[in-house]
């Protein structure tokens, strides 16, 4: 999320266009149980 905020803050073509950006953390080796606290 911080990366997205930073990109939105400093990229002129994204000014006022927050819907153009999304962020995802992908823990591709994990199960839900293994990282339950993170949810």
ModelCIF file with pLDDT and N, C-alpha, C, O atoms, coordinates in Angstrom:
data_MODEL
#
_entry.id   MODEL 
#
_entity.id                         1 
_entity.type                       polymer 
_entity.pdbx_number_of_molecules   1 
#
_entity_poly.entity_id                      1 
_entity_poly.type                           'polypeptide(L)' 
_entity_poly.nstd_linkage                   no 
_entity_poly.nstd_monomer                   no 
_entity_poly.pdbx_seq_one_letter_code       
;(UNK)(UNK)(UNK)(UNK)(UNK)(UNK)(UNK)(UNK)(UNK)(UNK)(UNK)(UNK)(UNK)(UNK)(UNK)(UNK)
(UNK)(UNK)(UNK)(UNK)(UNK)(UNK)(UNK)(UNK)(UNK)(UNK)(UNK)(UNK)(UNK)(UNK)(UNK)(UNK)
(UNK)(UNK)(UNK)(UNK)(UNK)(UNK)(UNK)
;
_entity_poly.pdbx_seq_one_letter_code_can   XXXXXXXXXXXXXXXXXXXXXXXXXXXXXXXXXXXXXXX 
_entity_poly.pdbx_strand_id                 A 
#
loop_
_entity_poly_seq.entity_id 
_entity_poly_seq.num 
_entity_poly_seq.mon_id 
_entity_poly_seq.hetero 
1 1  UNK n 
1 2  UNK n 
1 3  UNK n 
1 4  UNK n 
1 5  UNK n 
1 6  UNK n 
1 7  UNK n 
1 8  UNK n 
1 9  UNK n 
1 10 UNK n 
1 11 UNK n 
1 12 UNK n 
1 13 UNK n 
1 14 UNK n 
1 15 UNK n 
1 16 UNK n 
1 17 UNK n 
1 18 UNK n 
1 19 UNK n 
1 20 UNK n 
1 21 UNK n 
1 22 UNK n 
1 23 UNK n 
1 24 UNK n 
1 25 UNK n 
1 26 UNK n 
1 27 UNK n 
1 28 UNK n 
1 29 UNK n 
1 30 UNK n 
1 31 UNK n 
1 32 UNK n 
1 33 UNK n 
1 34 UNK n 
1 35 UNK n 
1 36 UNK n 
1 37 UNK n 
1 38 UNK n 
1 39 UNK n 
#
_struct_asym.id          A 
_struct_asym.entity_id   1 
#
loop_
_ma_qa_metric.id 
_ma_qa_metric.mode 
_ma_qa_metric.name 
_ma_qa_metric.software_group_id 
_ma_qa_metric.type 
1 global pLDDT . pLDDT 
2 local  pLDDT . pLDDT 
#
_ma_qa_metric_global.metric_id      1 
_ma_qa_metric_global.metric_value   91.79 
_ma_qa_metric_global.model_id       1 
_ma_qa_metric_global.ordinal_id     1 
#
loop_
_ma_qa_metric_local.label_asym_id 
_ma_qa_metric_local.label_comp_id 
_ma_qa_metric_local.label_seq_id 
_ma_qa_metric_local.metric_id 
_ma_qa_metric_local.metric_value 
_ma_qa_metric_local.model_id 
_ma_qa_metric_local.ordinal_id 
A UNK 1  2 89.00 1 1  
A UNK 2  2 85.00 1 2  
A UNK 3  2 89.00 1 3  
A UNK 4  2 91.00 1 4  
A UNK 5  2 86.00 1 5  
A UNK 6  2 84.00 1 6  
A UNK 7  2 89.00 1 7  
A UNK 8  2 89.00 1 8  
A UNK 9  2 82.00 1 9  
A UNK 10 2 82.00 1 10 
A UNK 11 2 88.00 1 11 
A UNK 12 2 86.00 1 12 
A UNK 13 2 90.00 1 13 
A UNK 14 2 92.00 1 14 
A UNK 15 2 86.00 1 15 
A UNK 16 2 86.00 1 16 
A UNK 17 2 91.00 1 17 
A UNK 18 2 92.00 1 18 
A UNK 19 2 95.00 1 19 
A UNK 20 2 97.00 1 20 
A UNK 21 2 97.00 1 21 
A UNK 22 2 97.00 1 22 
A UNK 23 2 97.00 1 23 
A UNK 24 2 97.00 1 24 
A UNK 25 2 96.00 1 25 
A UNK 26 2 97.00 1 26 
A UNK 27 2 96.00 1 27 
A UNK 28 2 95.00 1 28 
A UNK 29 2 93.00 1 29 
A UNK 30 2 94.00 1 30 
A UNK 31 2 95.00 1 31 
A UNK 32 2 95.00 1 32 
A UNK 33 2 95.00 1 33 
A UNK 34 2 94.00 1 34 
A UNK 35 2 94.00 1 35 
A UNK 36 2 95.00 1 36 
A UNK 37 2 94.00 1 37 
A UNK 38 2 95.00 1 38 
A UNK 39 2 95.00 1 39 
#
loop_
_atom_site.group_PDB 
_atom_site.id 
_atom_site.type_symbol 
_atom_site.label_atom_id 
_atom_site.label_alt_id 
_atom_site.label_comp_id 
_atom_site.label_asym_id 
_atom_site.label_entity_id 
_atom_site.label_seq_id 
_atom_site.pdbx_PDB_ins_code 
_atom_site.Cartn_x 
_atom_site.Cartn_y 
_atom_site.Cartn_z 
_atom_site.occupancy 
_atom_site.B_iso_or_equiv 
_atom_site.pdbx_formal_charge 
_atom_site.auth_seq_id 
_atom_site.auth_comp_id 
_atom_site.auth_asym_id 
_atom_site.auth_atom_id 
_atom_site.pdbx_PDB_model_num 
ATOM 1   N N  . UNK A 1 1  ? 0.832  -1.211  0.000   1.00 89.00 ? 1  UNK A N  1 
ATOM 2   C CA . UNK A 1 1  ? 0.000  0.000   0.000   1.00 89.00 ? 1  UNK A CA 1 
ATOM 3   C C  . UNK A 1 1  ? 0.861  1.254   0.000   1.00 89.00 ? 1  UNK A C  1 
ATOM 4   O O  . UNK A 1 1  ? 0.545  2.237   -0.670  1.00 89.00 ? 1  UNK A O  1 
ATOM 5   N N  . UNK A 1 2  ? 1.947  1.209   0.755   1.00 85.00 ? 2  UNK A N  1 
ATOM 6   C CA . UNK A 1 2  ? 2.853  2.360   0.779   1.00 85.00 ? 2  UNK A CA 1 
ATOM 7   C C  . UNK A 1 2  ? 3.458  2.599   -0.602  1.00 85.00 ? 2  UNK A C  1 
ATOM 8   O O  . UNK A 1 2  ? 3.618  3.745   -1.020  1.00 85.00 ? 2  UNK A O  1 
ATOM 9   N N  . UNK A 1 3  ? 3.789  1.533   -1.303  1.00 89.00 ? 3  UNK A N  1 
ATOM 10  C CA . UNK A 1 3  ? 4.304  1.684   -2.665  1.00 89.00 ? 3  UNK A CA 1 
ATOM 11  C C  . UNK A 1 3  ? 3.266  2.349   -3.564  1.00 89.00 ? 3  UNK A C  1 
ATOM 12  O O  . UNK A 1 3  ? 3.590  3.224   -4.367  1.00 89.00 ? 3  UNK A O  1 
ATOM 13  N N  . UNK A 1 4  ? 2.012  1.922   -3.415  1.00 91.00 ? 4  UNK A N  1 
ATOM 14  C CA . UNK A 1 4  ? 0.941  2.526   -4.222  1.00 91.00 ? 4  UNK A CA 1 
ATOM 15  C C  . UNK A 1 4  ? 0.776  4.007   -3.898  1.00 91.00 ? 4  UNK A C  1 
ATOM 16  O O  . UNK A 1 4  ? 0.668  4.836   -4.801  1.00 91.00 ? 4  UNK A O  1 
ATOM 17  N N  . UNK A 1 5  ? 0.757  4.336   -2.609  1.00 86.00 ? 5  UNK A N  1 
ATOM 18  C CA . UNK A 1 5  ? 0.637  5.741   -2.203  1.00 86.00 ? 5  UNK A CA 1 
ATOM 19  C C  . UNK A 1 5  ? 1.777  6.567   -2.773  1.00 86.00 ? 5  UNK A C  1 
ATOM 20  O O  . UNK A 1 5  ? 1.575  7.676   -3.268  1.00 86.00 ? 5  UNK A O  1 
ATOM 21  N N  . UNK A 1 6  ? 2.964  6.017   -2.695  1.00 84.00 ? 6  UNK A N  1 
ATOM 22  C CA . UNK A 1 6  ? 4.142  6.752   -3.174  1.00 84.00 ? 6  UNK A CA 1 
ATOM 23  C C  . UNK A 1 6  ? 4.043  6.977   -4.677  1.00 84.00 ? 6  UNK A C  1 
ATOM 24  O O  . UNK A 1 6  ? 4.315  8.074   -5.166  1.00 84.00 ? 6  UNK A O  1 
ATOM 25  N N  . UNK A 1 7  ? 3.653  5.938   -5.405  1.00 89.00 ? 7  UNK A N  1 
ATOM 26  C CA . UNK A 1 7  ? 3.508  6.072   -6.857  1.00 89.00 ? 7  UNK A CA 1 
ATOM 27  C C  . UNK A 1 7  ? 2.456  7.116   -7.200  1.00 89.00 ? 7  UNK A C  1 
ATOM 28  O O  . UNK A 1 7  ? 2.660  7.925   -8.105  1.00 89.00 ? 7  UNK A O  1 
ATOM 29  N N  . UNK A 1 8  ? 1.336  7.109   -6.492  1.00 89.00 ? 8  UNK A N  1 
ATOM 30  C CA . UNK A 1 8  ? 0.283  8.089   -6.735  1.00 89.00 ? 8  UNK A CA 1 
ATOM 31  C C  . UNK A 1 8  ? 0.750  9.499   -6.386  1.00 89.00 ? 8  UNK A C  1 
ATOM 32  O O  . UNK A 1 8  ? 0.396  10.462  -7.067  1.00 89.00 ? 8  UNK A O  1 
ATOM 33  N N  . UNK A 1 9  ? 1.535  9.617   -5.336  1.00 82.00 ? 9  UNK A N  1 
ATOM 34  C CA . UNK A 1 9  ? 1.999  10.936  -4.903  1.00 82.00 ? 9  UNK A CA 1 
ATOM 35  C C  . UNK A 1 9  ? 2.959  11.569  -5.890  1.00 82.00 ? 9  UNK A C  1 
ATOM 36  O O  . UNK A 1 9  ? 2.948  12.788  -6.063  1.00 82.00 ? 9  UNK A O  1 
ATOM 37  N N  . UNK A 1 10 ? 3.791  10.766  -6.543  1.00 82.00 ? 10 UNK A N  1 
ATOM 38  C CA . UNK A 1 10 ? 4.878  11.325  -7.336  1.00 82.00 ? 10 UNK A CA 1 
ATOM 39  C C  . UNK A 1 10 ? 4.761  11.111  -8.834  1.00 82.00 ? 10 UNK A C  1 
ATOM 40  O O  . UNK A 1 10 ? 5.680  11.482  -9.563  1.00 82.00 ? 10 UNK A O  1 
ATOM 41  N N  . UNK A 1 11 ? 3.685  10.535  -9.326  1.00 88.00 ? 11 UNK A N  1 
ATOM 42  C CA . UNK A 1 11 ? 3.532  10.297  -10.753 1.00 88.00 ? 11 UNK A CA 1 
ATOM 43  C C  . UNK A 1 11 ? 2.434  11.203  -11.299 1.00 88.00 ? 11 UNK A C  1 
ATOM 44  O O  . UNK A 1 11 ? 1.258  11.039  -10.976 1.00 88.00 ? 11 UNK A O  1 
ATOM 45  N N  . UNK A 1 12 ? 2.838  12.165  -12.135 1.00 86.00 ? 12 UNK A N  1 
ATOM 46  C CA . UNK A 1 12 ? 1.900  13.195  -12.589 1.00 86.00 ? 12 UNK A CA 1 
ATOM 47  C C  . UNK A 1 12 ? 0.732  12.599  -13.366 1.00 86.00 ? 12 UNK A C  1 
ATOM 48  O O  . UNK A 1 12 ? -0.391 13.089  -13.252 1.00 86.00 ? 12 UNK A O  1 
ATOM 49  N N  . UNK A 1 13 ? 0.974  11.556  -14.150 1.00 90.00 ? 13 UNK A N  1 
ATOM 50  C CA . UNK A 1 13 ? -0.101 10.979  -14.961 1.00 90.00 ? 13 UNK A CA 1 
ATOM 51  C C  . UNK A 1 13 ? -1.153 10.279  -14.108 1.00 90.00 ? 13 UNK A C  1 
ATOM 52  O O  . UNK A 1 13 ? -2.233 9.959   -14.606 1.00 90.00 ? 13 UNK A O  1 
ATOM 53  N N  . UNK A 1 14 ? -0.861 10.037  -12.840 1.00 92.00 ? 14 UNK A N  1 
ATOM 54  C CA . UNK A 1 14 ? -1.815 9.376   -11.948 1.00 92.00 ? 14 UNK A CA 1 
ATOM 55  C C  . UNK A 1 14 ? -2.497 10.342  -10.996 1.00 92.00 ? 14 UNK A C  1 
ATOM 56  O O  . UNK A 1 14 ? -3.270 9.924   -10.134 1.00 92.00 ? 14 UNK A O  1 
ATOM 57  N N  . UNK A 1 15 ? -2.219 11.622  -11.144 1.00 86.00 ? 15 UNK A N  1 
ATOM 58  C CA . UNK A 1 15 ? -2.806 12.610  -10.250 1.00 86.00 ? 15 UNK A CA 1 
ATOM 59  C C  . UNK A 1 15 ? -4.330 12.580  -10.334 1.00 86.00 ? 15 UNK A C  1 
ATOM 60  O O  . UNK A 1 15 ? -4.902 12.705  -11.417 1.00 86.00 ? 15 UNK A O  1 
ATOM 61  N N  . UNK A 1 16 ? -4.977 12.414  -9.195  1.00 86.00 ? 16 UNK A N  1 
ATOM 62  C CA . UNK A 1 16 ? -6.435 12.350  -9.155  1.00 86.00 ? 16 UNK A CA 1 
ATOM 63  C C  . UNK A 1 16 ? -7.006 11.084  -9.756  1.00 86.00 ? 16 UNK A C  1 
ATOM 64  O O  . UNK A 1 16 ? -8.207 11.013  -10.020 1.00 86.00 ? 16 UNK A O  1 
ATOM 65  N N  . UNK A 1 17 ? -6.161 10.073  -9.980  1.00 91.00 ? 17 UNK A N  1 
ATOM 66  C CA . UNK A 1 17 ? -6.597 8.831   -10.637 1.00 91.00 ? 17 UNK A CA 1 
ATOM 67  C C  . UNK A 1 17 ? -6.279 7.623   -9.762  1.00 91.00 ? 17 UNK A C  1 
ATOM 68  O O  . UNK A 1 17 ? -5.666 6.661   -10.227 1.00 91.00 ? 17 UNK A O  1 
ATOM 69  N N  . UNK A 1 18 ? -6.692 7.669   -8.505  1.00 92.00 ? 18 UNK A N  1 
ATOM 70  C CA . UNK A 1 18 ? -6.342 6.585   -7.595  1.00 92.00 ? 18 UNK A CA 1 
ATOM 71  C C  . UNK A 1 18 ? -6.913 5.255   -8.047  1.00 92.00 ? 18 UNK A C  1 
ATOM 72  O O  . UNK A 1 18 ? -6.345 4.206   -7.744  1.00 92.00 ? 18 UNK A O  1 
ATOM 73  N N  . UNK A 1 19 ? -8.023 5.277   -8.766  1.00 95.00 ? 19 UNK A N  1 
ATOM 74  C CA . UNK A 1 19 ? -8.624 4.024   -9.198  1.00 95.00 ? 19 UNK A CA 1 
ATOM 75  C C  . UNK A 1 19 ? -7.790 3.298   -10.244 1.00 95.00 ? 19 UNK A C  1 
ATOM 76  O O  . UNK A 1 19 ? -8.058 2.139   -10.562 1.00 95.00 ? 19 UNK A O  1 
ATOM 77  N N  . UNK A 1 20 ? -6.778 3.977   -10.782 1.00 97.00 ? 20 UNK A N  1 
ATOM 78  C CA . UNK A 1 20 ? -5.915 3.329   -11.770 1.00 97.00 ? 20 UNK A CA 1 
ATOM 79  C C  . UNK A 1 20 ? -4.876 2.413   -11.130 1.00 97.00 ? 20 UNK A C  1 
ATOM 80  O O  . UNK A 1 20 ? -4.226 1.630   -11.823 1.00 97.00 ? 20 UNK A O  1 
ATOM 81  N N  . UNK A 1 21 ? -4.718 2.507   -9.815  1.00 97.00 ? 21 UNK A N  1 
ATOM 82  C CA . UNK A 1 21 ? -3.655 1.769   -9.132  1.00 97.00 ? 21 UNK A CA 1 
ATOM 83  C C  . UNK A 1 21 ? -4.254 0.841   -8.086  1.00 97.00 ? 21 UNK A C  1 
ATOM 84  O O  . UNK A 1 21 ? -5.180 1.216   -7.366  1.00 97.00 ? 21 UNK A O  1 
ATOM 85  N N  . UNK A 1 22 ? -3.725 -0.356  -8.009  1.00 97.00 ? 22 UNK A N  1 
ATOM 86  C CA . UNK A 1 22 ? -4.101 -1.312  -6.967  1.00 97.00 ? 22 UNK A CA 1 
ATOM 87  C C  . UNK A 1 22 ? -2.840 -2.021  -6.513  1.00 97.00 ? 22 UNK A C  1 
ATOM 88  O O  . UNK A 1 22 ? -1.829 -2.034  -7.214  1.00 97.00 ? 22 UNK A O  1 
ATOM 89  N N  . UNK A 1 23 ? -2.915 -2.614  -5.320  1.00 97.00 ? 23 UNK A N  1 
ATOM 90  C CA . UNK A 1 23 ? -1.753 -3.310  -4.787  1.00 97.00 ? 23 UNK A CA 1 
ATOM 91  C C  . UNK A 1 23 ? -2.129 -4.656  -4.209  1.00 97.00 ? 23 UNK A C  1 
ATOM 92  O O  . UNK A 1 23 ? -3.218 -4.833  -3.664  1.00 97.00 ? 23 UNK A O  1 
ATOM 93  N N  . UNK A 1 24 ? -1.212 -5.605  -4.336  1.00 97.00 ? 24 UNK A N  1 
ATOM 94  C CA . UNK A 1 24 ? -1.456 -6.944  -3.806  1.00 97.00 ? 24 UNK A CA 1 
ATOM 95  C C  . UNK A 1 24 ? -0.163 -7.543  -3.289  1.00 97.00 ? 24 UNK A C  1 
ATOM 96  O O  . UNK A 1 24 ? 0.870  -7.489  -3.956  1.00 97.00 ? 24 UNK A O  1 
ATOM 97  N N  . UNK A 1 25 ? -0.227 -8.113  -2.100  1.00 96.00 ? 25 UNK A N  1 
ATOM 98  C CA . UNK A 1 25 ? 0.872  -8.917  -1.571  1.00 96.00 ? 25 UNK A CA 1 
ATOM 99  C C  . UNK A 1 25 ? 0.504  -10.374 -1.823  1.00 96.00 ? 25 UNK A C  1 
ATOM 100 O O  . UNK A 1 25 ? -0.557 -10.835 -1.403  1.00 96.00 ? 25 UNK A O  1 
ATOM 101 N N  . UNK A 1 26 ? 1.394  -11.101 -2.517  1.00 97.00 ? 26 UNK A N  1 
ATOM 102 C CA . UNK A 1 26 ? 1.086  -12.472 -2.926  1.00 97.00 ? 26 UNK A CA 1 
ATOM 103 C C  . UNK A 1 26 ? 2.066  -13.418 -2.240  1.00 97.00 ? 26 UNK A C  1 
ATOM 104 O O  . UNK A 1 26 ? 3.242  -13.482 -2.600  1.00 97.00 ? 26 UNK A O  1 
ATOM 105 N N  . UNK A 1 27 ? 1.564  -14.153 -1.247  1.00 96.00 ? 27 UNK A N  1 
ATOM 106 C CA . UNK A 1 27 ? 2.356  -15.140 -0.518  1.00 96.00 ? 27 UNK A CA 1 
ATOM 107 C C  . UNK A 1 27 ? 2.076  -16.502 -1.143  1.00 96.00 ? 27 UNK A C  1 
ATOM 108 O O  . UNK A 1 27 ? 1.294  -17.287 -0.605  1.00 96.00 ? 27 UNK A O  1 
ATOM 109 N N  . UNK A 1 28 ? 2.709  -16.779 -2.267  1.00 95.00 ? 28 UNK A N  1 
ATOM 110 C CA . UNK A 1 28 ? 2.311  -17.904 -3.109  1.00 95.00 ? 28 UNK A CA 1 
ATOM 111 C C  . UNK A 1 28 ? 2.667  -19.265 -2.510  1.00 95.00 ? 28 UNK A C  1 
ATOM 112 O O  . UNK A 1 28 ? 2.155  -20.284 -2.975  1.00 95.00 ? 28 UNK A O  1 
ATOM 113 N N  . UNK A 1 29 ? 3.530  -19.309 -1.491  1.00 93.00 ? 29 UNK A N  1 
ATOM 114 C CA . UNK A 1 29 ? 3.876  -20.584 -0.844  1.00 93.00 ? 29 UNK A CA 1 
ATOM 115 C C  . UNK A 1 29 ? 3.049  -20.849 0.410   1.00 93.00 ? 29 UNK A C  1 
ATOM 116 O O  . UNK A 1 29 ? 3.153  -21.921 1.006   1.00 93.00 ? 29 UNK A O  1 
ATOM 117 N N  . UNK A 1 30 ? 2.220  -19.869 0.816   1.00 94.00 ? 30 UNK A N  1 
ATOM 118 C CA . UNK A 1 30 ? 1.549  -19.946 2.114   1.00 94.00 ? 30 UNK A CA 1 
ATOM 119 C C  . UNK A 1 30 ? 0.121  -20.474 1.998   1.00 94.00 ? 30 UNK A C  1 
ATOM 120 O O  . UNK A 1 30 ? -0.541 -20.312 0.974   1.00 94.00 ? 30 UNK A O  1 
ATOM 121 N N  . UNK A 1 31 ? -0.333 -21.111 3.080   1.00 95.00 ? 31 UNK A N  1 
ATOM 122 C CA . UNK A 1 31 ? -1.757 -21.426 3.263   1.00 95.00 ? 31 UNK A CA 1 
ATOM 123 C C  . UNK A 1 31 ? -2.360 -20.375 4.175   1.00 95.00 ? 31 UNK A C  1 
ATOM 124 O O  . UNK A 1 31 ? -1.641 -19.641 4.853   1.00 95.00 ? 31 UNK A O  1 
ATOM 125 N N  . UNK A 1 32 ? -3.680 -20.306 4.188   1.00 95.00 ? 32 UNK A N  1 
ATOM 126 C CA . UNK A 1 32 ? -4.339 -19.349 5.083   1.00 95.00 ? 32 UNK A CA 1 
ATOM 127 C C  . UNK A 1 32 ? -3.985 -19.627 6.540   1.00 95.00 ? 32 UNK A C  1 
ATOM 128 O O  . UNK A 1 32 ? -3.790 -18.694 7.319   1.00 95.00 ? 32 UNK A O  1 
ATOM 129 N N  . UNK A 1 33 ? -3.902 -20.899 6.911   1.00 95.00 ? 33 UNK A N  1 
ATOM 130 C CA . UNK A 1 33 ? -3.602 -21.253 8.292   1.00 95.00 ? 33 UNK A CA 1 
ATOM 131 C C  . UNK A 1 33 ? -2.207 -20.771 8.682   1.00 95.00 ? 33 UNK A C  1 
ATOM 132 O O  . UNK A 1 33 ? -2.005 -20.296 9.800   1.00 95.00 ? 33 UNK A O  1 
ATOM 133 N N  . UNK A 1 34 ? -1.245 -20.892 7.768   1.00 94.00 ? 34 UNK A N  1 
ATOM 134 C CA . UNK A 1 34 ? 0.132  -20.524 8.080   1.00 94.00 ? 34 UNK A CA 1 
ATOM 135 C C  . UNK A 1 34 ? 0.335  -19.036 8.316   1.00 94.00 ? 34 UNK A C  1 
ATOM 136 O O  . UNK A 1 34 ? 1.299  -18.635 8.968   1.00 94.00 ? 34 UNK A O  1 
ATOM 137 N N  . UNK A 1 35 ? -0.562 -18.218 7.791   1.00 94.00 ? 35 UNK A N  1 
ATOM 138 C CA . UNK A 1 35 ? -0.423 -16.763 7.963   1.00 94.00 ? 35 UNK A CA 1 
ATOM 139 C C  . UNK A 1 35 ? -1.727 -16.167 8.481   1.00 94.00 ? 35 UNK A C  1 
ATOM 140 O O  . UNK A 1 35 ? -2.086 -15.042 8.132   1.00 94.00 ? 35 UNK A O  1 
ATOM 141 N N  . UNK A 1 36 ? -2.433 -16.929 9.314   1.00 95.00 ? 36 UNK A N  1 
ATOM 142 C CA . UNK A 1 36 ? -3.770 -16.520 9.761   1.00 95.00 ? 36 UNK A CA 1 
ATOM 143 C C  . UNK A 1 36 ? -3.773 -15.135 10.407  1.00 95.00 ? 36 UNK A C  1 
ATOM 144 O O  . UNK A 1 36 ? -4.706 -14.357 10.206  1.00 95.00 ? 36 UNK A O  1 
ATOM 145 N N  . UNK A 1 37 ? -2.720 -14.825 11.188  1.00 94.00 ? 37 UNK A N  1 
ATOM 146 C CA . UNK A 1 37 ? -2.677 -13.526 11.865  1.00 94.00 ? 37 UNK A CA 1 
ATOM 147 C C  . UNK A 1 37 ? -2.732 -12.364 10.878  1.00 94.00 ? 37 UNK A C  1 
ATOM 148 O O  . UNK A 1 37 ? -3.263 -11.298 11.193  1.00 94.00 ? 37 UNK A O  1 
ATOM 149 N N  . UNK A 1 38 ? -2.181 -12.575 9.681   1.00 95.00 ? 38 UNK A N  1 
ATOM 150 C CA . UNK A 1 38 ? -2.076 -11.473 8.721   1.00 95.00 ? 38 UNK A CA 1 
ATOM 151 C C  . UNK A 1 38 ? -3.437 -11.049 8.184   1.00 95.00 ? 38 UNK A C  1 
ATOM 152 O O  . UNK A 1 38 ? -3.583 -9.938  7.674   1.00 95.00 ? 38 UNK A O  1 
ATOM 153 N N  . UNK A 1 39 ? -4.433 -11.924 8.293   1.00 95.00 ? 39 UNK A N  1 
ATOM 154 C CA . UNK A 1 39 ? -5.758 -11.585 7.786   1.00 95.00 ? 39 UNK A CA 1 
ATOM 155 C C  . UNK A 1 39 ? -6.565 -10.764 8.787   1.00 95.00 ? 39 UNK A C  1 
ATOM 156 O O  . UNK A 1 39 ? -7.707 -10.399 8.508   1.00 95.00 ? 39 UNK A O  1 
#
